[in-house]
Amino acid sequence: MLDFFLELAAVFLGVLGAFELDNYREAKAEDKERVRLLGLISREVDSNNGILIGMSREEDAAFGVPNARPMRNIWDGITSKLAILRNDELLEEATMLYWDLANLDGMLDIYRDYAGRYQYASSEEKVRLGPILFIHRTHYVDYIKNEALPQITIVRKLIDAELWREKSNHVPKSNTEDEKTAVQ
Protein backbone atom coordinates (compact mmCIF):
# COMPACT_ATOMS: atom_id res chain seq x y z
CA MET A 1 0.00 0.00 0.00
CA LEU A 2 2.86 2.35 0.80
CA ASP A 3 4.42 1.57 -2.59
CA PHE A 4 1.18 2.56 -4.27
CA PHE A 5 1.13 5.94 -2.52
CA LEU A 6 4.81 6.50 -3.29
CA GLU A 7 4.21 5.74 -6.97
CA LEU A 8 1.16 7.99 -6.96
CA ALA A 9 3.16 10.81 -5.35
CA ALA A 10 6.00 10.31 -7.87
CA VAL A 11 3.57 10.47 -10.81
CA PHE A 12 1.87 13.52 -9.30
CA LEU A 13 5.22 15.30 -8.77
CA GLY A 14 6.35 14.36 -12.27
CA VAL A 15 3.19 15.74 -13.87
CA LEU A 16 3.36 18.87 -11.69
CA GLY A 17 7.02 19.36 -12.67
CA ALA A 18 6.16 18.94 -16.35
CA PHE A 19 3.41 21.56 -16.07
CA GLU A 20 5.76 23.97 -14.31
CA LEU A 21 8.46 23.43 -16.93
CA ASP A 22 5.91 24.02 -19.71
CA ASN A 23 4.69 27.21 -18.00
CA TYR A 24 8.27 28.41 -17.66
CA ARG A 25 8.94 27.79 -21.36
CA GLU A 26 5.74 29.59 -22.34
CA ALA A 27 6.63 32.57 -20.15
CA LYS A 28 10.10 32.74 -21.72
CA ALA A 29 8.60 32.60 -25.22
CA GLU A 30 6.08 35.30 -24.29
CA ASP A 31 8.87 37.51 -22.91
CA LYS A 32 10.84 37.05 -26.11
CA GLU A 33 7.78 37.91 -28.23
CA ARG A 34 7.06 40.97 -26.06
CA VAL A 35 10.59 42.29 -26.60
CA ARG A 36 10.27 41.63 -30.34
CA LEU A 37 6.97 43.53 -30.53
CA LEU A 38 8.38 46.43 -28.55
CA GLY A 39 11.34 46.57 -30.94
CA LEU A 40 9.06 46.58 -33.98
CA ILE A 41 6.88 49.34 -32.55
CA SER A 42 9.98 51.28 -31.53
CA ARG A 43 11.42 51.21 -35.06
CA GLU A 44 8.13 52.31 -36.59
CA VAL A 45 7.74 55.13 -34.05
CA ASP A 46 11.31 56.28 -34.76
CA SER A 47 10.62 56.25 -38.51
CA ASN A 48 7.45 58.24 -38.00
CA ASN A 49 9.34 60.75 -35.90
CA GLY A 50 11.71 61.42 -38.80
CA ILE A 51 8.87 61.57 -41.33
CA LEU A 52 6.88 64.03 -39.22
CA ILE A 53 9.86 66.26 -38.52
CA GLY A 54 10.50 66.42 -42.25
CA MET A 55 6.85 67.25 -42.95
CA SER A 56 6.76 70.06 -40.42
CA ARG A 57 9.86 71.99 -41.50
CA GLU A 58 9.12 75.64 -42.08
CA GLU A 59 11.34 75.90 -45.17
CA ASP A 60 8.93 73.55 -46.97
CA ALA A 61 6.03 75.95 -46.44
CA ALA A 62 5.68 77.02 -50.09
CA PHE A 63 2.71 74.74 -50.83
CA GLY A 64 4.87 71.70 -51.20
CA VAL A 65 3.01 68.43 -51.07
CA PRO A 66 4.46 65.93 -48.61
CA ASN A 67 5.48 62.81 -50.48
CA ALA A 68 5.49 60.62 -47.37
CA ARG A 69 2.84 59.41 -45.00
CA PRO A 70 3.20 58.29 -41.43
CA MET A 71 3.78 54.56 -41.21
CA ARG A 72 1.22 52.30 -39.56
CA ASN A 73 1.99 48.94 -41.18
CA ILE A 74 3.67 47.32 -38.18
CA TRP A 75 1.03 48.59 -35.75
CA ASP A 76 -1.76 47.36 -38.01
CA GLY A 77 -0.02 44.00 -38.33
CA ILE A 78 0.45 43.39 -34.61
CA THR A 79 -2.82 44.67 -33.18
CA SER A 80 -3.97 41.10 -32.53
CA LYS A 81 -0.86 40.56 -30.36
CA LEU A 82 -1.06 43.73 -28.27
CA ALA A 83 -2.45 41.82 -25.28
CA ILE A 84 1.05 40.46 -24.74
CA LEU A 85 2.20 43.93 -23.67
CA ARG A 86 1.87 44.33 -19.92
CA ASN A 87 2.04 48.11 -19.65
CA ASP A 88 -1.48 49.55 -19.98
CA GLU A 89 -0.13 53.10 -20.14
CA LEU A 90 2.07 52.15 -23.09
CA LEU A 91 -0.89 50.54 -24.86
CA GLU A 92 -3.05 53.60 -24.27
CA GLU A 93 -0.41 56.11 -25.38
CA ALA A 94 0.62 54.08 -28.43
CA THR A 95 -3.03 53.73 -29.44
CA MET A 96 -3.41 57.50 -29.11
CA LEU A 97 -0.32 58.02 -31.26
CA TYR A 98 -1.66 55.82 -34.03
CA TRP A 99 -5.03 57.55 -33.77
CA ASP A 100 -3.16 60.87 -34.21
CA LEU A 101 -1.37 59.44 -37.25
CA ALA A 102 -4.68 58.31 -38.79
CA ASN A 103 -6.11 61.81 -38.22
CA LEU A 104 -3.03 63.30 -39.82
CA ASP A 105 -3.54 61.08 -42.87
CA GLY A 106 -7.00 62.60 -43.27
CA MET A 107 -5.60 66.11 -43.00
CA LEU A 108 -2.93 65.29 -45.57
CA ASP A 109 -5.56 63.93 -47.96
CA ILE A 110 -7.47 67.21 -47.77
CA TYR A 111 -4.26 69.21 -48.21
CA ARG A 112 -3.20 67.10 -51.20
CA ASP A 113 -6.59 67.62 -52.80
CA TYR A 114 -6.28 71.41 -52.52
CA ALA A 115 -2.64 71.29 -53.61
CA GLY A 116 -3.65 69.36 -56.74
CA ARG A 117 -6.32 71.91 -57.54
CA TYR A 118 -3.87 74.74 -56.90
CA GLN A 119 -1.22 73.24 -59.16
CA TYR A 120 -3.48 73.24 -62.21
CA ALA A 121 -5.50 76.36 -61.40
CA SER A 122 -5.57 79.58 -63.33
CA SER A 123 -3.89 82.65 -61.86
CA GLU A 124 -7.22 83.97 -60.55
CA GLU A 125 -8.08 80.60 -59.03
CA LYS A 126 -4.63 80.39 -57.37
CA VAL A 127 -5.35 83.70 -55.65
CA ARG A 128 -8.51 82.16 -54.18
CA LEU A 129 -6.99 78.75 -53.35
CA GLY A 130 -3.69 80.06 -51.93
CA PRO A 131 -5.06 81.13 -48.54
CA ILE A 132 -7.10 77.91 -48.21
CA LEU A 133 -4.02 75.83 -48.99
CA PHE A 134 -1.99 77.85 -46.48
CA ILE A 135 -4.62 77.29 -43.78
CA HIS A 136 -4.67 73.52 -44.37
CA ARG A 137 -0.87 73.31 -44.35
CA THR A 138 -0.67 75.36 -41.17
CA HIS A 139 -3.29 73.10 -39.62
CA TYR A 140 -1.48 69.83 -40.36
CA VAL A 141 1.93 71.26 -39.40
CA ASP A 142 0.52 72.53 -36.09
CA TYR A 143 -1.07 69.14 -35.52
CA ILE A 144 2.27 67.45 -36.10
CA LYS A 145 4.10 69.81 -33.75
CA ASN A 146 1.47 70.01 -31.00
CA GLU A 147 -0.04 66.52 -31.05
CA ALA A 148 1.87 63.86 -32.96
CA LEU A 149 5.50 64.68 -32.09
CA PRO A 150 4.82 65.10 -28.35
CA GLN A 151 2.88 61.81 -28.42
CA ILE A 152 5.85 60.13 -30.11
CA THR A 153 8.08 61.37 -27.29
CA ILE A 154 5.74 59.88 -24.69
CA VAL A 155 5.51 56.52 -26.48
CA ARG A 156 9.27 56.43 -27.06
CA LYS A 157 9.94 56.92 -23.32
CA LEU A 158 7.43 54.22 -22.36
CA ILE A 159 8.91 51.75 -24.85
CA ASP A 160 12.43 52.47 -23.61
CA ALA A 161 11.33 51.98 -19.99
CA GLU A 162 9.58 48.72 -20.89
CA LEU A 163 12.60 47.41 -22.80
CA TRP A 164 14.88 48.38 -19.89
CA ARG A 165 12.53 46.58 -17.49
CA GLU A 166 12.55 43.45 -19.67
CA LYS A 167 16.33 43.56 -19.93
CA SER A 168 16.84 44.05 -16.19
CA ASN A 169 14.53 41.11 -15.46
CA HIS A 170 16.83 38.83 -17.44
CA VAL A 171 20.18 39.91 -16.02
CA PRO A 172 21.67 36.98 -14.11
CA LYS A 173 22.27 37.71 -10.45
CA SER A 174 25.44 36.51 -8.82
CA ASN A 175 25.27 34.57 -5.59
CA THR A 176 28.90 33.70 -5.14
CA GLU A 177 31.04 35.65 -2.73
CA ASP A 178 33.99 35.70 -5.16
CA GLU A 179 32.00 37.49 -7.85
CA LYS A 180 30.59 40.01 -5.35
CA THR A 181 34.05 40.94 -4.07
CA ALA A 182 35.47 41.10 -7.60
CA VAL A 183 32.97 43.81 -8.49
CA GLN A 184 33.96 45.93 -5.50
C-alpha atoms as a PDB file:
ATOM      1  CA  MET A   1       0.000   0.000   0.000  1.00  0.00           C
ATOM      2  CA  LEU A   2       2.861   2.350   0.804  1.00  0.00           C
ATOM      3  CA  ASP A   3       4.416   1.567  -2.587  1.00  0.00           C
ATOM      4  CA  PHE A   4       1.180   2.559  -4.270  1.00  0.00           C
ATOM      5  CA  PHE A   5       1.130   5.935  -2.516  1.00  0.00           C
ATOM      6  CA  LEU A   6       4.807   6.497  -3.287  1.00  0.00           C
ATOM      7  CA  GLU A   7       4.212   5.741  -6.970  1.00  0.00           C
ATOM      8  CA  LEU A   8       1.161   7.994  -6.963  1.00  0.00           C
ATOM      9  CA  ALA A   9       3.163  10.806  -5.353  1.00  0.00           C
ATOM     10  CA  ALA A  10       5.997  10.312  -7.869  1.00  0.00           C
ATOM     11  CA  VAL A  11       3.568  10.472 -10.813  1.00  0.00           C
ATOM     12  CA  PHE A  12       1.875  13.523  -9.297  1.00  0.00           C
ATOM     13  CA  LEU A  13       5.219  15.303  -8.772  1.00  0.00           C
ATOM     14  CA  GLY A  14       6.353  14.358 -12.272  1.00  0.00           C
ATOM     15  CA  VAL A  15       3.195  15.744 -13.865  1.00  0.00           C
ATOM     16  CA  LEU A  16       3.361  18.868 -11.695  1.00  0.00           C
ATOM     17  CA  GLY A  17       7.015  19.362 -12.669  1.00  0.00           C
ATOM     18  CA  ALA A  18       6.158  18.943 -16.353  1.00  0.00           C
ATOM     19  CA  PHE A  19       3.413  21.562 -16.070  1.00  0.00           C
ATOM     20  CA  GLU A  20       5.763  23.973 -14.315  1.00  0.00           C
ATOM     21  CA  LEU A  21       8.460  23.431 -16.935  1.00  0.00           C
ATOM     22  CA  ASP A  22       5.908  24.020 -19.708  1.00  0.00           C
ATOM     23  CA  ASN A  23       4.688  27.208 -17.996  1.00  0.00           C
ATOM     24  CA  TYR A  24       8.275  28.412 -17.657  1.00  0.00           C
ATOM     25  CA  ARG A  25       8.943  27.790 -21.363  1.00  0.00           C
ATOM     26  CA  GLU A  26       5.735  29.585 -22.345  1.00  0.00           C
ATOM     27  CA  ALA A  27       6.628  32.572 -20.155  1.00  0.00           C
ATOM     28  CA  LYS A  28      10.102  32.741 -21.720  1.00  0.00           C
ATOM     29  CA  ALA A  29       8.604  32.596 -25.223  1.00  0.00           C
ATOM     30  CA  GLU A  30       6.084  35.296 -24.290  1.00  0.00           C
ATOM     31  CA  ASP A  31       8.872  37.506 -22.908  1.00  0.00           C
ATOM     32  CA  LYS A  32      10.838  37.054 -26.113  1.00  0.00           C
ATOM     33  CA  GLU A  33       7.784  37.914 -28.235  1.00  0.00           C
ATOM     34  CA  ARG A  34       7.055  40.973 -26.065  1.00  0.00           C
ATOM     35  CA  VAL A  35      10.588  42.295 -26.601  1.00  0.00           C
ATOM     36  CA  ARG A  36      10.268  41.630 -30.339  1.00  0.00           C
ATOM     37  CA  LEU A  37       6.969  43.527 -30.533  1.00  0.00           C
ATOM     38  CA  LEU A  38       8.383  46.434 -28.551  1.00  0.00           C
ATOM     39  CA  GLY A  39      11.343  46.565 -30.936  1.00  0.00           C
ATOM     40  CA  LEU A  40       9.059  46.584 -33.979  1.00  0.00           C
ATOM     41  CA  ILE A  41       6.876  49.344 -32.552  1.00  0.00           C
ATOM     42  CA  SER A  42       9.978  51.282 -31.534  1.00  0.00           C
ATOM     43  CA  ARG A  43      11.417  51.207 -35.056  1.00  0.00           C
ATOM     44  CA  GLU A  44       8.127  52.312 -36.590  1.00  0.00           C
ATOM     45  CA  VAL A  45       7.739  55.131 -34.046  1.00  0.00           C
ATOM     46  CA  ASP A  46      11.310  56.285 -34.765  1.00  0.00           C
ATOM     47  CA  SER A  47      10.617  56.246 -38.514  1.00  0.00           C
ATOM     48  CA  ASN A  48       7.446  58.243 -37.996  1.00  0.00           C
ATOM     49  CA  ASN A  49       9.344  60.747 -35.903  1.00  0.00           C
ATOM     50  CA  GLY A  50      11.710  61.418 -38.800  1.00  0.00           C
ATOM     51  CA  ILE A  51       8.870  61.573 -41.330  1.00  0.00           C
ATOM     52  CA  LEU A  52       6.879  64.032 -39.221  1.00  0.00           C
ATOM     53  CA  ILE A  53       9.861  66.261 -38.517  1.00  0.00           C
ATOM     54  CA  GLY A  54      10.495  66.425 -42.251  1.00  0.00           C
ATOM     55  CA  MET A  55       6.853  67.246 -42.952  1.00  0.00           C
ATOM     56  CA  SER A  56       6.758  70.058 -40.416  1.00  0.00           C
ATOM     57  CA  ARG A  57       9.859  71.986 -41.495  1.00  0.00           C
ATOM     58  CA  GLU A  58       9.124  75.638 -42.079  1.00  0.00           C
ATOM     59  CA  GLU A  59      11.344  75.900 -45.169  1.00  0.00           C
ATOM     60  CA  ASP A  60       8.929  73.554 -46.967  1.00  0.00           C
ATOM     61  CA  ALA A  61       6.030  75.949 -46.439  1.00  0.00           C
ATOM     62  CA  ALA A  62       5.676  77.016 -50.089  1.00  0.00           C
ATOM     63  CA  PHE A  63       2.707  74.740 -50.834  1.00  0.00           C
ATOM     64  CA  GLY A  64       4.870  71.702 -51.202  1.00  0.00           C
ATOM     65  CA  VAL A  65       3.010  68.431 -51.070  1.00  0.00           C
ATOM     66  CA  PRO A  66       4.465  65.929 -48.610  1.00  0.00           C
ATOM     67  CA  ASN A  67       5.480  62.806 -50.478  1.00  0.00           C
ATOM     68  CA  ALA A  68       5.489  60.624 -47.371  1.00  0.00           C
ATOM     69  CA  ARG A  69       2.838  59.408 -45.002  1.00  0.00           C
ATOM     70  CA  PRO A  70       3.198  58.293 -41.427  1.00  0.00           C
ATOM     71  CA  MET A  71       3.778  54.556 -41.214  1.00  0.00           C
ATOM     72  CA  ARG A  72       1.223  52.296 -39.556  1.00  0.00           C
ATOM     73  CA  ASN A  73       1.995  48.944 -41.178  1.00  0.00           C
ATOM     74  CA  ILE A  74       3.669  47.325 -38.179  1.00  0.00           C
ATOM     75  CA  TRP A  75       1.034  48.590 -35.753  1.00  0.00           C
ATOM     76  CA  ASP A  76      -1.758  47.363 -38.013  1.00  0.00           C
ATOM     77  CA  GLY A  77      -0.023  44.000 -38.330  1.00  0.00           C
ATOM     78  CA  ILE A  78       0.450  43.394 -34.612  1.00  0.00           C
ATOM     79  CA  THR A  79      -2.823  44.666 -33.176  1.00  0.00           C
ATOM     80  CA  SER A  80      -3.967  41.095 -32.525  1.00  0.00           C
ATOM     81  CA  LYS A  81      -0.860  40.562 -30.361  1.00  0.00           C
ATOM     82  CA  LEU A  82      -1.063  43.733 -28.266  1.00  0.00           C
ATOM     83  CA  ALA A  83      -2.451  41.823 -25.277  1.00  0.00           C
ATOM     84  CA  ILE A  84       1.049  40.457 -24.738  1.00  0.00           C
ATOM     85  CA  LEU A  85       2.202  43.926 -23.670  1.00  0.00           C
ATOM     86  CA  ARG A  86       1.874  44.325 -19.920  1.00  0.00           C
ATOM     87  CA  ASN A  87       2.038  48.105 -19.651  1.00  0.00           C
ATOM     88  CA  ASP A  88      -1.476  49.548 -19.984  1.00  0.00           C
ATOM     89  CA  GLU A  89      -0.134  53.097 -20.136  1.00  0.00           C
ATOM     90  CA  LEU A  90       2.074  52.152 -23.093  1.00  0.00           C
ATOM     91  CA  LEU A  91      -0.886  50.544 -24.861  1.00  0.00           C
ATOM     92  CA  GLU A  92      -3.051  53.597 -24.269  1.00  0.00           C
ATOM     93  CA  GLU A  93      -0.412  56.111 -25.379  1.00  0.00           C
ATOM     94  CA  ALA A  94       0.615  54.080 -28.429  1.00  0.00           C
ATOM     95  CA  THR A  95      -3.031  53.733 -29.435  1.00  0.00           C
ATOM     96  CA  MET A  96      -3.414  57.505 -29.110  1.00  0.00           C
ATOM     97  CA  LEU A  97      -0.320  58.020 -31.259  1.00  0.00           C
ATOM     98  CA  TYR A  98      -1.658  55.823 -34.025  1.00  0.00           C
ATOM     99  CA  TRP A  99      -5.026  57.547 -33.772  1.00  0.00           C
ATOM    100  CA  ASP A 100      -3.163  60.866 -34.215  1.00  0.00           C
ATOM    101  CA  LEU A 101      -1.372  59.442 -37.255  1.00  0.00           C
ATOM    102  CA  ALA A 102      -4.677  58.309 -38.788  1.00  0.00           C
ATOM    103  CA  ASN A 103      -6.110  61.807 -38.224  1.00  0.00           C
ATOM    104  CA  LEU A 104      -3.030  63.303 -39.824  1.00  0.00           C
ATOM    105  CA  ASP A 105      -3.536  61.084 -42.874  1.00  0.00           C
ATOM    106  CA  GLY A 106      -7.003  62.598 -43.270  1.00  0.00           C
ATOM    107  CA  MET A 107      -5.596  66.108 -42.999  1.00  0.00           C
ATOM    108  CA  LEU A 108      -2.933  65.291 -45.574  1.00  0.00           C
ATOM    109  CA  ASP A 109      -5.557  63.935 -47.965  1.00  0.00           C
ATOM    110  CA  ILE A 110      -7.469  67.207 -47.773  1.00  0.00           C
ATOM    111  CA  TYR A 111      -4.260  69.209 -48.211  1.00  0.00           C
ATOM    112  CA  ARG A 112      -3.198  67.104 -51.197  1.00  0.00           C
ATOM    113  CA  ASP A 113      -6.594  67.618 -52.797  1.00  0.00           C
ATOM    114  CA  TYR A 114      -6.279  71.406 -52.519  1.00  0.00           C
ATOM    115  CA  ALA A 115      -2.641  71.288 -53.613  1.00  0.00           C
ATOM    116  CA  GLY A 116      -3.646  69.361 -56.738  1.00  0.00           C
ATOM    117  CA  ARG A 117      -6.316  71.910 -57.540  1.00  0.00           C
ATOM    118  CA  TYR A 118      -3.866  74.738 -56.897  1.00  0.00           C
ATOM    119  CA  GLN A 119      -1.216  73.245 -59.156  1.00  0.00           C
ATOM    120  CA  TYR A 120      -3.479  73.240 -62.211  1.00  0.00           C
ATOM    121  CA  ALA A 121      -5.505  76.355 -61.402  1.00  0.00           C
ATOM    122  CA  SER A 122      -5.565  79.576 -63.334  1.00  0.00           C
ATOM    123  CA  SER A 123      -3.894  82.652 -61.855  1.00  0.00           C
ATOM    124  CA  GLU A 124      -7.219  83.972 -60.553  1.00  0.00           C
ATOM    125  CA  GLU A 125      -8.080  80.596 -59.032  1.00  0.00           C
ATOM    126  CA  LYS A 126      -4.633  80.394 -57.372  1.00  0.00           C
ATOM    127  CA  VAL A 127      -5.351  83.695 -55.653  1.00  0.00           C
ATOM    128  CA  ARG A 128      -8.510  82.156 -54.184  1.00  0.00           C
ATOM    129  CA  LEU A 129      -6.987  78.750 -53.345  1.00  0.00           C
ATOM    130  CA  GLY A 130      -3.692  80.060 -51.927  1.00  0.00           C
ATOM    131  CA  PRO A 131      -5.059  81.127 -48.536  1.00  0.00           C
ATOM    132  CA  ILE A 132      -7.098  77.906 -48.210  1.00  0.00           C
ATOM    133  CA  LEU A 133      -4.023  75.833 -48.988  1.00  0.00           C
ATOM    134  CA  PHE A 134      -1.989  77.848 -46.480  1.00  0.00           C
ATOM    135  CA  ILE A 135      -4.620  77.286 -43.776  1.00  0.00           C
ATOM    136  CA  HIS A 136      -4.669  73.523 -44.370  1.00  0.00           C
ATOM    137  CA  ARG A 137      -0.870  73.305 -44.354  1.00  0.00           C
ATOM    138  CA  THR A 138      -0.671  75.359 -41.168  1.00  0.00           C
ATOM    139  CA  HIS A 139      -3.295  73.095 -39.618  1.00  0.00           C
ATOM    140  CA  TYR A 140      -1.479  69.825 -40.356  1.00  0.00           C
ATOM    141  CA  VAL A 141       1.928  71.260 -39.401  1.00  0.00           C
ATOM    142  CA  ASP A 142       0.522  72.534 -36.093  1.00  0.00           C
ATOM    143  CA  TYR A 143      -1.073  69.137 -35.522  1.00  0.00           C
ATOM    144  CA  ILE A 144       2.268  67.448 -36.102  1.00  0.00           C
ATOM    145  CA  LYS A 145       4.099  69.811 -33.746  1.00  0.00           C
ATOM    146  CA  ASN A 146       1.467  70.007 -31.004  1.00  0.00           C
ATOM    147  CA  GLU A 147      -0.044  66.518 -31.051  1.00  0.00           C
ATOM    148  CA  ALA A 148       1.871  63.859 -32.956  1.00  0.00           C
ATOM    149  CA  LEU A 149       5.498  64.678 -32.093  1.00  0.00           C
ATOM    150  CA  PRO A 150       4.823  65.102 -28.346  1.00  0.00           C
ATOM    151  CA  GLN A 151       2.884  61.808 -28.419  1.00  0.00           C
ATOM    152  CA  ILE A 152       5.852  60.127 -30.111  1.00  0.00           C
ATOM    153  CA  THR A 153       8.080  61.369 -27.292  1.00  0.00           C
ATOM    154  CA  ILE A 154       5.739  59.877 -24.688  1.00  0.00           C
ATOM    155  CA  VAL A 155       5.509  56.522 -26.476  1.00  0.00           C
ATOM    156  CA  ARG A 156       9.270  56.432 -27.059  1.00  0.00           C
ATOM    157  CA  LYS A 157       9.939  56.922 -23.324  1.00  0.00           C
ATOM    158  CA  LEU A 158       7.431  54.224 -22.365  1.00  0.00           C
ATOM    159  CA  ILE A 159       8.907  51.749 -24.848  1.00  0.00           C
ATOM    160  CA  ASP A 160      12.433  52.466 -23.614  1.00  0.00           C
ATOM    161  CA  ALA A 161      11.326  51.983 -19.994  1.00  0.00           C
ATOM    162  CA  GLU A 162       9.583  48.720 -20.887  1.00  0.00           C
ATOM    163  CA  LEU A 163      12.605  47.414 -22.796  1.00  0.00           C
ATOM    164  CA  TRP A 164      14.879  48.376 -19.887  1.00  0.00           C
ATOM    165  CA  ARG A 165      12.535  46.580 -17.485  1.00  0.00           C
ATOM    166  CA  GLU A 166      12.546  43.454 -19.669  1.00  0.00           C
ATOM    167  CA  LYS A 167      16.332  43.562 -19.931  1.00  0.00           C
ATOM    168  CA  SER A 168      16.838  44.055 -16.189  1.00  0.00           C
ATOM    169  CA  ASN A 169      14.526  41.107 -15.459  1.00  0.00           C
ATOM    170  CA  HIS A 170      16.835  38.826 -17.441  1.00  0.00           C
ATOM    171  CA  VAL A 171      20.185  39.908 -16.018  1.00  0.00           C
ATOM    172  CA  PRO A 172      21.673  36.977 -14.107  1.00  0.00           C
ATOM    173  CA  LYS A 173      22.275  37.711 -10.454  1.00  0.00           C
ATOM    174  CA  SER A 174      25.443  36.508  -8.825  1.00  0.00           C
ATOM    175  CA  ASN A 175      25.265  34.569  -5.588  1.00  0.00           C
ATOM    176  CA  THR A 176      28.901  33.703  -5.144  1.00  0.00           C
ATOM    177  CA  GLU A 177      31.045  35.654  -2.730  1.00  0.00           C
ATOM    178  CA  ASP A 178      33.995  35.702  -5.164  1.00  0.00           C
ATOM    179  CA  GLU A 179      31.996  37.493  -7.847  1.00  0.00           C
ATOM    180  CA  LYS A 180      30.588  40.009  -5.348  1.00  0.00           C
ATOM    181  CA  THR A 181      34.054  40.936  -4.071  1.00  0.00           C
ATOM    182  CA  ALA A 182      35.472  41.102  -7.598  1.00  0.00           C
ATOM    183  CA  VAL A 183      32.970  43.814  -8.487  1.00  0.00           C
ATOM    184  CA  GLN A 184      33.956  45.926  -5.498  1.00  0.00           C
END
